[in-house]
PDB file of N, CA and C in Angstrom:
ATOM      1  N   VAL A   1       0.851  -1.173   0.000  1.00  0.00           N
ATOM      2  CA  VAL A   1       0.000   0.000   0.000  1.00  0.00           C
ATOM      3  C   VAL A   1       0.890   1.227   0.000  1.00  0.00           C
ATOM      4  N   THR A   2       0.611   2.150  -0.854  1.00  0.00           N
ATOM      5  CA  THR A   2       1.341   3.412  -0.875  1.00  0.00           C
ATOM      6  C   THR A   2       0.744   4.353   0.151  1.00  0.00           C
ATOM      7  N   MET A   3       1.586   4.839   1.050  1.00  0.00           N
ATOM      8  CA  MET A   3       1.117   5.775   2.066  1.00  0.00           C
ATOM      9  C   MET A   3       1.004   7.156   1.448  1.00  0.00           C
ATOM     10  N   VAL A   4      -0.157   7.765   1.656  1.00  0.00           N
ATOM     11  CA  VAL A   4      -0.411   9.133   1.222  1.00  0.00           C
ATOM     12  C   VAL A   4      -0.969   9.854   2.434  1.00  0.00           C
ATOM     13  N   CYS A   5      -0.255  10.852   2.914  1.00  0.00           N
ATOM     14  CA  CYS A   5      -0.733  11.556   4.102  1.00  0.00           C
ATOM     15  C   CYS A   5      -0.183  12.971   4.140  1.00  0.00           C
ATOM     16  N   SER A   6      -0.773  13.775   5.004  1.00  0.00           N
ATOM     17  CA  SER A   6      -0.232  15.106   5.232  1.00  0.00           C
ATOM     18  C   SER A   6       0.801  15.015   6.349  1.00  0.00           C
ATOM     19  N   ASP A   7       1.635  15.998   6.431  1.00  0.00           N
ATOM     20  CA  ASP A   7       2.676  16.025   7.454  1.00  0.00           C
ATOM     21  C   ASP A   7       2.894  17.474   7.896  1.00  0.00           C
ATOM     22  N   PRO A   8       1.916  18.049   8.595  1.00  0.00           N
ATOM     23  CA  PRO A   8       2.023  19.466   8.951  1.00  0.00           C
ATOM     24  C   PRO A   8       3.204  19.772   9.869  1.00  0.00           C
ATOM     25  N   LEU A   9       3.694  18.787  10.611  1.00  0.00           N
ATOM     26  CA  LEU A   9       4.832  19.017  11.504  1.00  0.00           C
ATOM     27  C   LEU A   9       6.178  18.725  10.831  1.00  0.00           C
ATOM     28  N   ASN A  10       6.107  18.180   9.616  1.00  0.00           N
ATOM     29  CA  ASN A  10       7.315  17.850   8.849  1.00  0.00           C
ATOM     30  C   ASN A  10       8.275  16.991   9.673  1.00  0.00           C
ATOM     31  N   ASP A  11       7.714  15.921  10.253  1.00  0.00           N
ATOM     32  CA  ASP A  11       8.552  15.078  11.113  1.00  0.00           C
ATOM     33  C   ASP A  11       8.441  13.588  10.810  1.00  0.00           C
ATOM     34  N   ASN A  12       8.053  13.245   9.607  1.00  0.00           N
ATOM     35  CA  ASN A  12       7.945  11.818   9.294  1.00  0.00           C
ATOM     36  C   ASN A  12       9.319  11.272   8.928  1.00  0.00           C
ATOM     37  N   PRO A  13       9.554   9.997   9.183  1.00  0.00           N
ATOM     38  CA  PRO A  13      10.864   9.398   8.913  1.00  0.00           C
ATOM     39  C   PRO A  13      11.018   8.856   7.491  1.00  0.00           C
ATOM     40  N   TYR A  14      10.008   9.042   6.662  1.00  0.00           N
ATOM     41  CA  TYR A  14      10.029   8.483   5.310  1.00  0.00           C
ATOM     42  C   TYR A  14      10.548   9.509   4.306  1.00  0.00           C
ATOM     43  N   GLU A  15      11.161   9.005   3.242  1.00  0.00           N
ATOM     44  CA  GLU A  15      11.655   9.873   2.178  1.00  0.00           C
ATOM     45  C   GLU A  15      10.515  10.151   1.200  1.00  0.00           C
ATOM     46  N   GLU A  16      10.174  11.420   1.077  1.00  0.00           N
ATOM     47  CA  GLU A  16       9.050  11.808   0.222  1.00  0.00           C
ATOM     48  C   GLU A  16       9.313  11.421  -1.233  1.00  0.00           C
ATOM     49  N   ASN A  17       8.277  10.935  -1.881  1.00  0.00           N
ATOM     50  CA  ASN A  17       8.259  10.488  -3.276  1.00  0.00           C
ATOM     51  C   ASN A  17       9.053   9.205  -3.521  1.00  0.00           C
ATOM     52  N   GLU A  18       9.698   8.689  -2.490  1.00  0.00           N
ATOM     53  CA  GLU A  18      10.390   7.403  -2.601  1.00  0.00           C
ATOM     54  C   GLU A  18       9.684   6.347  -1.761  1.00  0.00           C
ATOM     55  N   GLU A  19       9.271   6.731  -0.534  1.00  0.00           N
ATOM     56  CA  GLU A  19       8.662   5.783   0.401  1.00  0.00           C
ATOM     57  C   GLU A  19       7.265   6.221   0.836  1.00  0.00           C
ATOM     58  N   ILE A  20       6.887   7.427   0.475  1.00  0.00           N
ATOM     59  CA  ILE A  20       5.601   8.000   0.894  1.00  0.00           C
ATOM     60  C   ILE A  20       5.263   9.167  -0.026  1.00  0.00           C
ATOM     61  N   LYS A  21       3.989   9.466  -0.141  1.00  0.00           N
ATOM     62  CA  LYS A  21       3.545  10.675  -0.843  1.00  0.00           C
ATOM     63  C   LYS A  21       2.980  11.612   0.214  1.00  0.00           C
ATOM     64  N   ILE A  22       3.550  12.795   0.350  1.00  0.00           N
ATOM     65  CA  ILE A  22       3.074  13.797   1.295  1.00  0.00           C
ATOM     66  C   ILE A  22       2.182  14.772   0.537  1.00  0.00           C
ATOM     67  N   VAL A  23       1.037  15.054   1.126  1.00  0.00           N
ATOM     68  CA  VAL A  23       0.103  15.991   0.507  1.00  0.00           C
ATOM     69  C   VAL A  23      -0.293  17.055   1.519  1.00  0.00           C
ATOM     70  N   PRO A  24      -0.519  18.269   1.045  1.00  0.00           N
ATOM     71  CA  PRO A  24      -1.067  19.270   1.962  1.00  0.00           C
ATOM     72  C   PRO A  24      -2.517  18.910   2.281  1.00  0.00           C
ATOM     73  N   ALA A  25      -3.018  19.436   3.359  1.00  0.00           N
ATOM     74  CA  ALA A  25      -4.408  19.156   3.756  1.00  0.00           C
ATOM     75  C   ALA A  25      -5.346  19.995   2.895  1.00  0.00           C
ATOM     76  N   ASP A  26      -5.349  19.681   1.626  1.00  0.00           N
ATOM     77  CA  ASP A  26      -6.167  20.399   0.637  1.00  0.00           C
ATOM     78  C   ASP A  26      -6.738  19.369  -0.326  1.00  0.00           C
ATOM     79  N   LYS A  27      -8.057  19.390  -0.486  1.00  0.00           N
ATOM     80  CA  LYS A  27      -8.690  18.331  -1.283  1.00  0.00           C
ATOM     81  C   LYS A  27      -8.179  18.276  -2.716  1.00  0.00           C
ATOM     82  N   ASN A  28      -7.908  19.404  -3.339  1.00  0.00           N
ATOM     83  CA  ASN A  28      -7.427  19.382  -4.720  1.00  0.00           C
ATOM     84  C   ASN A  28      -6.029  18.788  -4.810  1.00  0.00           C
ATOM     85  N   ALA A  29      -5.171  19.121  -3.859  1.00  0.00           N
ATOM     86  CA  ALA A  29      -3.820  18.550  -3.841  1.00  0.00           C
ATOM     87  C   ALA A  29      -3.884  17.042  -3.631  1.00  0.00           C
ATOM     88  N   ILE A  30      -4.760  16.604  -2.739  1.00  0.00           N
ATOM     89  CA  ILE A  30      -4.912  15.167  -2.479  1.00  0.00           C
ATOM     90  C   ILE A  30      -5.390  14.452  -3.733  1.00  0.00           C
ATOM     91  N   ILE A  31      -6.399  15.022  -4.380  1.00  0.00           N
ATOM     92  CA  ILE A  31      -6.930  14.427  -5.613  1.00  0.00           C
ATOM     93  C   ILE A  31      -5.843  14.351  -6.682  1.00  0.00           C
ATOM     94  N   ASN A  32      -5.053  15.416  -6.827  1.00  0.00           N
ATOM     95  CA  ASN A  32      -3.983  15.411  -7.836  1.00  0.00           C
ATOM     96  C   ASN A  32      -2.960  14.319  -7.572  1.00  0.00           C
ATOM     97  N   LYS A  33      -2.545  14.159  -6.318  1.00  0.00           N
ATOM     98  CA  LYS A  33      -1.571  13.105  -5.983  1.00  0.00           C
ATOM     99  C   LYS A  33      -2.152  11.721  -6.225  1.00  0.00           C
ATOM    100  N   LEU A  34      -3.415  11.541  -5.837  1.00  0.00           N
ATOM    101  CA  LEU A  34      -4.046  10.233  -6.036  1.00  0.00           C
ATOM    102  C   LEU A  34      -4.213   9.921  -7.516  1.00  0.00           C
ATOM    103  N   GLU A  35      -4.582  10.918  -8.301  1.00  0.00           N
ATOM    104  CA  GLU A  35      -4.713  10.705  -9.751  1.00  0.00           C
ATOM    105  C   GLU A  35      -3.375  10.323 -10.362  1.00  0.00           C
ATOM    106  N   LEU A  36      -2.293  10.951  -9.898  1.00  0.00           N
ATOM    107  CA  LEU A  36      -0.957  10.606 -10.382  1.00  0.00           C
ATOM    108  C   LEU A  36      -0.646   9.141 -10.088  1.00  0.00           C
ATOM    109  N   LEU A  37      -0.942   8.694  -8.878  1.00  0.00           N
ATOM    110  CA  LEU A  37      -0.670   7.309  -8.505  1.00  0.00           C
ATOM    111  C   LEU A  37      -1.564   6.335  -9.267  1.00  0.00           C
ATOM    112  N   ILE A  38      -2.822   6.693  -9.433  1.00  0.00           N
ATOM    113  CA  ILE A  38      -3.751   5.822 -10.164  1.00  0.00           C
ATOM    114  C   ILE A  38      -3.314   5.672 -11.620  1.00  0.00           C
ATOM    115  N   SER A  39      -2.825   6.756 -12.210  1.00  0.00           N
ATOM    116  CA  SER A  39      -2.433   6.699 -13.621  1.00  0.00           C
ATOM    117  C   SER A  39      -1.052   6.076 -13.818  1.00  0.00           C
ATOM    118  N   ASN A  40      -0.300   5.915 -12.740  1.00  0.00           N
ATOM    119  CA  ASN A  40       1.026   5.326 -12.849  1.00  0.00           C
ATOM    120  C   ASN A  40       1.168   4.220 -11.808  1.00  0.00           C
ATOM    121  N   LYS A  41       0.617   3.073 -12.125  1.00  0.00           N
ATOM    122  CA  LYS A  41       0.591   1.959 -11.184  1.00  0.00           C
ATOM    123  C   LYS A  41       1.999   1.474 -10.806  1.00  0.00           C
ATOM    124  N   ASP A  42       2.957   1.548 -11.738  1.00  0.00           N
ATOM    125  CA  ASP A  42       4.321   1.130 -11.414  1.00  0.00           C
ATOM    126  C   ASP A  42       4.932   2.035 -10.344  1.00  0.00           C
ATOM    127  N   LEU A  43       4.712   3.329 -10.474  1.00  0.00           N
ATOM    128  CA  LEU A  43       5.195   4.279  -9.475  1.00  0.00           C
ATOM    129  C   LEU A  43       4.526   4.011  -8.133  1.00  0.00           C
ATOM    130  N   CYS A  44       3.229   3.813  -8.159  1.00  0.00           N
ATOM    131  CA  CYS A  44       2.473   3.530  -6.941  1.00  0.00           C
ATOM    132  C   CYS A  44       3.025   2.269  -6.267  1.00  0.00           C
ATOM    133  N   TYR A  45       3.255   1.233  -7.018  1.00  0.00           N
ATOM    134  CA  TYR A  45       3.780  -0.018  -6.476  1.00  0.00           C
ATOM    135  C   TYR A  45       5.181   0.186  -5.896  1.00  0.00           C
ATOM    136  N   ALA A  46       6.037   0.909  -6.622  1.00  0.00           N
ATOM    137  CA  ALA A  46       7.412   1.125  -6.169  1.00  0.00           C
ATOM    138  C   ALA A  46       7.446   1.903  -4.856  1.00  0.00           C
ATOM    139  N   ILE A  47       6.655   2.948  -4.743  1.00  0.00           N
ATOM    140  CA  ILE A  47       6.608   3.739  -3.510  1.00  0.00           C
ATOM    141  C   ILE A  47       6.066   2.875  -2.371  1.00  0.00           C
ATOM    142  N   GLY A  48       5.040   2.102  -2.650  1.00  0.00           N
ATOM    143  CA  GLY A  48       4.473   1.222  -1.635  1.00  0.00           C
ATOM    144  C   GLY A  48       5.475   0.199  -1.131  1.00  0.00           C
ATOM    145  N   GLN A  49       6.248  -0.386  -2.040  1.00  0.00           N
ATOM    146  CA  GLN A  49       7.258  -1.389  -1.653  1.00  0.00           C
ATOM    147  C   GLN A  49       8.346  -0.765  -0.776  1.00  0.00           C
ATOM    148  N   LYS A  50       8.847   0.397  -1.202  1.00  0.00           N
ATOM    149  CA  LYS A  50       9.896   1.058  -0.424  1.00  0.00           C
ATOM    150  C   LYS A  50       9.372   1.501   0.934  1.00  0.00           C
ATOM    151  N   GLY A  51       8.126   1.966   0.965  1.00  0.00           N
ATOM    152  CA  GLY A  51       7.518   2.357   2.236  1.00  0.00           C
ATOM    153  C   GLY A  51       7.365   1.168   3.172  1.00  0.00           C
ATOM    154  N   MET A  52       6.998   0.031   2.619  1.00  0.00           N
ATOM    155  CA  MET A  52       6.856  -1.179   3.427  1.00  0.00           C
ATOM    156  C   MET A  52       8.199  -1.584   4.041  1.00  0.00           C
ATOM    157  N   LEU A  53       9.252  -1.556   3.242  1.00  0.00           N
ATOM    158  CA  LEU A  53      10.572  -1.924   3.744  1.00  0.00           C
ATOM    159  C   LEU A  53      11.025  -0.965   4.846  1.00  0.00           C
ATOM    160  N   LYS A  54      10.780   0.325   4.658  1.00  0.00           N
ATOM    161  CA  LYS A  54      11.147   1.307   5.674  1.00  0.00           C
ATOM    162  C   LYS A  54      10.352   1.074   6.953  1.00  0.00           C
ATOM    163  N   THR A  55       9.055   0.794   6.820  1.00  0.00           N
ATOM    164  CA  THR A  55       8.207   0.542   7.984  1.00  0.00           C
ATOM    165  C   THR A  55       8.700  -0.679   8.752  1.00  0.00           C
ATOM    166  N   ARG A  56       9.076  -1.706   8.042  1.00  0.00           N
ATOM    167  CA  ARG A  56       9.589  -2.914   8.705  1.00  0.00           C
ATOM    168  C   ARG A  56      10.868  -2.621   9.482  1.00  0.00           C
ATOM    169  N   LYS A  57      11.714  -1.735   8.963  1.00  0.00           N
ATOM    170  CA  LYS A  57      12.938  -1.360   9.668  1.00  0.00           C
ATOM    171  C   LYS A  57      12.627  -0.511  10.896  1.00  0.00           C
ATOM    172  N   LEU A  58      11.666   0.397  10.746  1.00  0.00           N
ATOM    173  CA  LEU A  58      11.333   1.311  11.838  1.00  0.00           C
ATOM    174  C   LEU A  58      10.626   0.616  12.991  1.00  0.00           C
ATOM    175  N   PHE A  59       9.801  -0.355  12.670  1.00  0.00           N
ATOM    176  CA  PHE A  59       8.938  -0.952  13.683  1.00  0.00           C
ATOM    177  C   PHE A  59       9.261  -2.421  13.935  1.00  0.00           C
ATOM    178  N   ILE A  60      10.539  -2.710  14.118  1.00  0.00           N
ATOM    179  CA  ILE A  60      10.980  -4.050  14.478  1.00  0.00           C
ATOM    180  C   ILE A  60      10.371  -4.368  15.843  1.00  0.00           C
ATOM    181  N   PRO A  61       9.662  -5.486  15.983  1.00  0.00           N
ATOM    182  CA  PRO A  61       8.993  -5.787  17.259  1.00  0.00           C
ATOM    183  C   PRO A  61       9.890  -5.675  18.482  1.00  0.00           C
ATOM    184  N   GLU A  62      11.134  -6.111  18.373  1.00  0.00           N
ATOM    185  CA  GLU A  62      12.039  -6.038  19.519  1.00  0.00           C
ATOM    186  C   GLU A  62      12.282  -4.595  19.954  1.00  0.00           C
ATOM    187  N   ASN A  63      12.211  -3.672  19.003  1.00  0.00           N
ATOM    188  CA  ASN A  63      12.453  -2.263  19.321  1.00  0.00           C
ATOM    189  C   ASN A  63      11.202  -1.523  19.762  1.00  0.00           C
ATOM    190  N   THR A  64      10.050  -2.053  19.457  1.00  0.00           N
ATOM    191  CA  THR A  64       8.814  -1.334  19.772  1.00  0.00           C
ATOM    192  C   THR A  64       7.959  -2.055  20.801  1.00  0.00           C
ATOM    193  N   LEU A  65       7.707  -3.334  20.588  1.00  0.00           N
ATOM    194  CA  LEU A  65       6.807  -4.057  21.476  1.00  0.00           C
ATOM    195  C   LEU A  65       7.451  -4.451  22.798  1.00  0.00           C
ATOM    196  N   LEU A  66       8.681  -4.924  22.749  1.00  0.00           N
ATOM    197  CA  LEU A  66       9.328  -5.386  23.971  1.00  0.00           C
ATOM    198  C   LEU A  66       9.470  -4.274  25.021  1.00  0.00           C
ATOM    199  N   PRO A  67       9.940  -3.075  24.658  1.00  0.00           N
ATOM    200  CA  PRO A  67      10.011  -2.021  25.667  1.00  0.00           C
ATOM    201  C   PRO A  67       8.641  -1.650  26.246  1.00  0.00           C
ATOM    202  N   LYS A  68       7.621  -1.659  25.430  1.00  0.00           N
ATOM    203  CA  LYS A  68       6.268  -1.366  25.924  1.00  0.00           C
ATOM    204  C   LYS A  68       5.808  -2.460  26.881  1.00  0.00           C
ATOM    205  N   TYR A  69       6.073  -3.695  26.520  1.00  0.00           N
ATOM    206  CA  TYR A  69       5.706  -4.814  27.372  1.00  0.00           C
ATOM    207  C   TYR A  69       6.408  -4.710  28.723  1.00  0.00           C
ATOM    208  N   GLU A  70       7.697  -4.423  28.698  1.00  0.00           N
ATOM    209  CA  GLU A  70       8.464  -4.318  29.948  1.00  0.00           C
ATOM    210  C   GLU A  70       7.953  -3.168  30.816  1.00  0.00           C
ATOM    211  N   THR A  71       7.578  -2.063  30.214  1.00  0.00           N
ATOM    212  CA  THR A  71       7.031  -0.933  30.973  1.00  0.00           C
ATOM    213  C   THR A  71       5.703  -1.296  31.615  1.00  0.00           C
ATOM    214  N   ILE A  72       4.827  -1.915  30.868  1.00  0.00           N
ATOM    215  CA  ILE A  72       3.524  -2.320  31.389  1.00  0.00           C
ATOM    216  C   ILE A  72       3.693  -3.345  32.505  1.00  0.00           C
ATOM    217  N   LYS A  73       4.585  -4.302  32.275  1.00  0.00           N
ATOM    218  CA  LYS A  73       4.854  -5.332  33.288  1.00  0.00           C
ATOM    219  C   LYS A  73       5.368  -4.702  34.583  1.00  0.00           C
ATOM    220  N   ALA A  74       6.269  -3.743  34.460  1.00  0.00           N
ATOM    221  CA  ALA A  74       6.815  -3.071  35.656  1.00  0.00           C
ATOM    222  C   ALA A  74       5.730  -2.276  36.375  1.00  0.00           C
ATOM    223  N   LEU A  75       4.860  -1.635  35.624  1.00  0.00           N
ATOM    224  CA  LEU A  75       3.772  -0.862  36.237  1.00  0.00           C
ATOM    225  C   LEU A  75       2.781  -1.777  36.967  1.00  0.00           C
ATOM    226  N   LEU A  76       2.487  -2.912  36.377  1.00  0.00           N
ATOM    227  CA  LEU A  76       1.540  -3.837  36.984  1.00  0.00           C
ATOM    228  C   LEU A  76       2.120  -4.520  38.228  1.00  0.00           C
ATOM    229  N   ASN A  77       3.417  -4.732  38.213  1.00  0.00           N
ATOM    230  CA  ASN A  77       4.066  -5.400  39.351  1.00  0.00           C
ATOM    231  C   ASN A  77       4.512  -4.412  40.426  1.00  0.00           C
ATOM    232  N   GLY A  78       4.348  -3.150  40.146  1.00  0.00           N
ATOM    233  CA  GLY A  78       4.721  -2.217  40.953  1.00  0.00           C
ATOM    234  C   GLY A  78       5.102  -1.392  41.913  1.00  0.00           C
TER     235      GLY A  78
END
């Protein structure tokens, strides 16, 4: 899936136009970006694939779930 979202804080970890499509919070801009992706399925697929790989690197379970689990466990045992 190709991620298409706004980023008003400009703090996303993805490379724009390579791993994600950033759009302003404007319906015409959103429609234009979506039309571009719909008309170019290869581009849409490529961005989606790169975004997926980046997401897998960013959200490795050991780096995200384990620390949360340990925090919750410590709070419950408390």
